[in-house]
Amino acid sequence: MRLTKGISGFDAEHLIEQDMRMFQSMVYHLATSEKQVKVSEFIDQPHLVYMQAVVEIDREMLTILHHRFMPYIAFAMHDEELSFTFLSKAGLHKYFPMRKCLEAATLNTLLSKDQALHHLSATEWKYISYFNSQTIGDVMFNAWD
């Protein structure tokens, strides 16, 4: 996967912010359509590059992440420390129309693997180096301050 300028949240002025209400609607649709799914809370912290929904699926707490500037969805083990263990949840893709649900293998790919393909700004590379981000997921769903 090629990372585009602004995906880290820095130098993202040219990107259109995604809608939290639409994300909430998709998550509630998931919860009302699937058995054993309960929505616990939504978290929208404007300084983060993603929005979150904390859900319980089959008695397991998960976090659904929606990138703030790109139509990307990711699933992760719920972690209040903002350090995500990404998961693949192929059966849930249908609840997020016009969004790309990213697989764990993609998000866990080392950033150095295809570094020449990424179109990130100098500022983004600076933060990647400073925070020692190693994977595509680290850059896309970061909590850099």
Protein backbone atom coordinates (compact mmCIF):
# COMPACT_ATOMS: atom_id res chain seq x y z
CA MET A 1 0.00 0.00 0.00
CA ARG A 2 1.33 3.41 -0.93
CA LEU A 3 0.98 6.16 1.68
CA THR A 4 -0.02 9.57 0.35
CA LYS A 5 0.94 12.99 1.64
CA GLY A 6 -1.18 13.94 4.64
CA ILE A 7 -2.17 10.44 5.73
CA SER A 8 -0.28 10.94 9.00
CA GLY A 9 -2.40 13.99 9.79
CA PHE A 10 0.42 16.42 9.04
CA ASP A 11 0.36 18.39 5.78
CA ALA A 12 -3.24 17.23 5.25
CA GLU A 13 -4.76 20.57 4.22
CA HIS A 14 -5.60 19.17 0.77
CA LEU A 15 -7.59 16.23 2.20
CA ILE A 16 -11.29 16.30 3.11
CA GLU A 17 -12.17 15.41 6.69
CA GLN A 18 -14.40 12.37 7.05
CA ASP A 19 -17.74 12.68 8.84
CA MET A 20 -18.06 11.33 12.39
CA ARG A 21 -21.84 11.03 12.10
CA MET A 22 -21.53 8.83 9.04
CA PHE A 23 -19.04 6.63 10.89
CA GLN A 24 -21.41 6.37 13.85
CA SER A 25 -24.25 5.44 11.50
CA MET A 26 -22.21 2.63 9.96
CA VAL A 27 -21.20 1.27 13.38
CA TYR A 28 -24.81 1.36 14.63
CA HIS A 29 -25.91 -0.43 11.46
CA LEU A 30 -23.36 -3.14 12.25
CA ALA A 31 -24.64 -3.39 15.82
CA THR A 32 -28.30 -3.67 14.82
CA SER A 33 -27.61 -6.17 12.04
CA GLU A 34 -25.26 -8.59 13.76
CA LYS A 35 -25.98 -10.62 16.85
CA GLN A 36 -23.46 -10.37 19.66
CA VAL A 37 -22.40 -6.81 18.74
CA LYS A 38 -22.72 -3.98 21.26
CA VAL A 39 -21.48 -0.42 20.89
CA SER A 40 -19.70 0.76 24.02
CA GLU A 41 -18.56 4.27 23.05
CA PHE A 42 -17.38 6.59 20.31
CA ILE A 43 -14.20 8.58 20.73
CA ASP A 44 -13.50 11.63 18.60
CA GLN A 45 -10.42 13.53 19.67
CA PRO A 46 -9.70 16.18 17.01
CA HIS A 47 -5.94 16.04 17.63
CA LEU A 48 -5.85 12.36 16.58
CA VAL A 49 -5.77 11.29 12.94
CA TYR A 50 -8.60 8.80 13.48
CA MET A 51 -12.03 8.41 15.04
CA GLN A 52 -12.84 5.35 17.15
CA ALA A 53 -15.75 3.15 18.07
CA VAL A 54 -15.29 0.74 20.95
CA VAL A 55 -17.49 -2.30 20.38
CA GLU A 56 -17.99 -5.71 21.87
CA ILE A 57 -18.18 -8.48 19.29
CA ASP A 58 -18.77 -12.00 20.54
CA ARG A 59 -17.71 -10.92 24.06
CA GLU A 60 -14.42 -9.45 22.80
CA MET A 61 -13.72 -5.71 23.09
CA LEU A 62 -12.51 -4.25 19.79
CA THR A 63 -11.80 -0.82 18.45
CA ILE A 64 -12.99 0.18 15.01
CA LEU A 65 -10.82 2.97 13.64
CA HIS A 66 -11.86 5.37 10.89
CA HIS A 67 -9.09 7.50 9.41
CA ARG A 68 -9.96 11.19 9.78
CA PHE A 69 -8.82 12.21 6.27
CA MET A 70 -9.17 9.07 4.17
CA PRO A 71 -12.02 6.56 3.74
CA TYR A 72 -10.12 3.81 5.57
CA ILE A 73 -11.42 1.52 8.32
CA ALA A 74 -9.26 -0.69 10.55
CA PHE A 75 -10.07 -3.15 13.31
CA ALA A 76 -7.88 -3.59 16.37
CA MET A 77 -7.84 -5.13 19.81
CA HIS A 78 -9.15 -2.51 22.23
CA ASP A 79 -6.24 -0.77 23.92
CA GLU A 80 -6.60 2.41 25.96
CA GLU A 81 -2.89 3.15 25.49
CA LEU A 82 -3.42 3.92 21.77
CA SER A 83 -1.09 1.12 20.75
CA PHE A 84 -3.06 -1.05 18.35
CA THR A 85 -2.86 -4.72 17.50
CA PHE A 86 -4.59 -4.76 14.13
CA LEU A 87 -7.05 -7.48 13.15
CA SER A 88 -8.66 -8.65 9.91
CA LYS A 89 -12.45 -8.84 10.07
CA ALA A 90 -13.49 -9.75 6.53
CA GLY A 91 -17.13 -10.43 7.44
CA LEU A 92 -17.63 -6.85 8.64
CA HIS A 93 -16.57 -5.05 5.45
CA LYS A 94 -20.16 -4.89 4.17
CA TYR A 95 -21.14 -2.49 6.98
CA PHE A 96 -18.70 0.18 5.84
CA PRO A 97 -19.76 1.10 2.29
CA MET A 98 -17.46 3.30 0.24
CA ARG A 99 -14.72 2.67 2.81
CA LYS A 100 -11.70 0.43 2.42
CA CYS A 101 -11.41 -1.96 5.33
CA LEU A 102 -7.71 -2.57 5.76
CA GLU A 103 -6.34 -5.99 6.60
CA ALA A 104 -3.94 -6.60 9.47
CA ALA A 105 -1.26 -7.82 7.06
CA THR A 106 -1.33 -4.49 5.21
CA LEU A 107 -1.23 -2.40 8.39
CA ASN A 108 1.58 -4.50 9.84
CA THR A 109 3.73 -4.18 6.71
CA LEU A 110 7.06 -2.57 7.49
CA LEU A 111 7.27 1.00 6.27
CA SER A 112 10.74 0.31 4.90
CA LYS A 113 9.45 -2.44 2.57
CA ASP A 114 8.23 -0.05 -0.14
CA GLN A 115 9.60 3.21 1.20
CA ALA A 116 10.29 4.59 -2.27
CA LEU A 117 6.59 4.28 -3.17
CA HIS A 118 5.36 6.45 -0.31
CA HIS A 119 4.56 10.08 -1.08
CA LEU A 120 4.91 11.58 2.38
CA SER A 121 6.08 15.09 3.15
CA ALA A 122 9.37 15.93 4.83
CA THR A 123 7.43 16.81 8.00
CA GLU A 124 5.81 13.38 8.02
CA TRP A 125 9.15 11.61 7.57
CA LYS A 126 10.51 13.70 10.44
CA TYR A 127 7.72 12.51 12.76
CA ILE A 128 8.08 8.92 11.55
CA SER A 129 11.75 9.06 12.51
CA TYR A 130 11.13 10.87 15.81
CA PHE A 131 8.42 8.44 16.99
CA ASN A 132 10.20 5.44 15.48
CA SER A 133 7.15 4.35 13.50
CA GLN A 134 7.83 0.99 11.90
CA THR A 135 4.67 -0.03 10.04
CA ILE A 136 2.07 1.40 7.72
CA GLY A 137 -0.45 1.14 10.57
CA ASP A 138 1.85 3.14 12.85
CA VAL A 139 1.78 6.01 10.36
CA MET A 140 -1.90 5.83 9.43
CA PHE A 141 -3.30 5.48 12.97
CA ASN A 142 -0.82 7.43 15.06
CA ALA A 143 -1.20 9.44 18.25
CA TRP A 144 1.69 11.78 17.55
CA ASP A 145 1.45 15.09 19.35
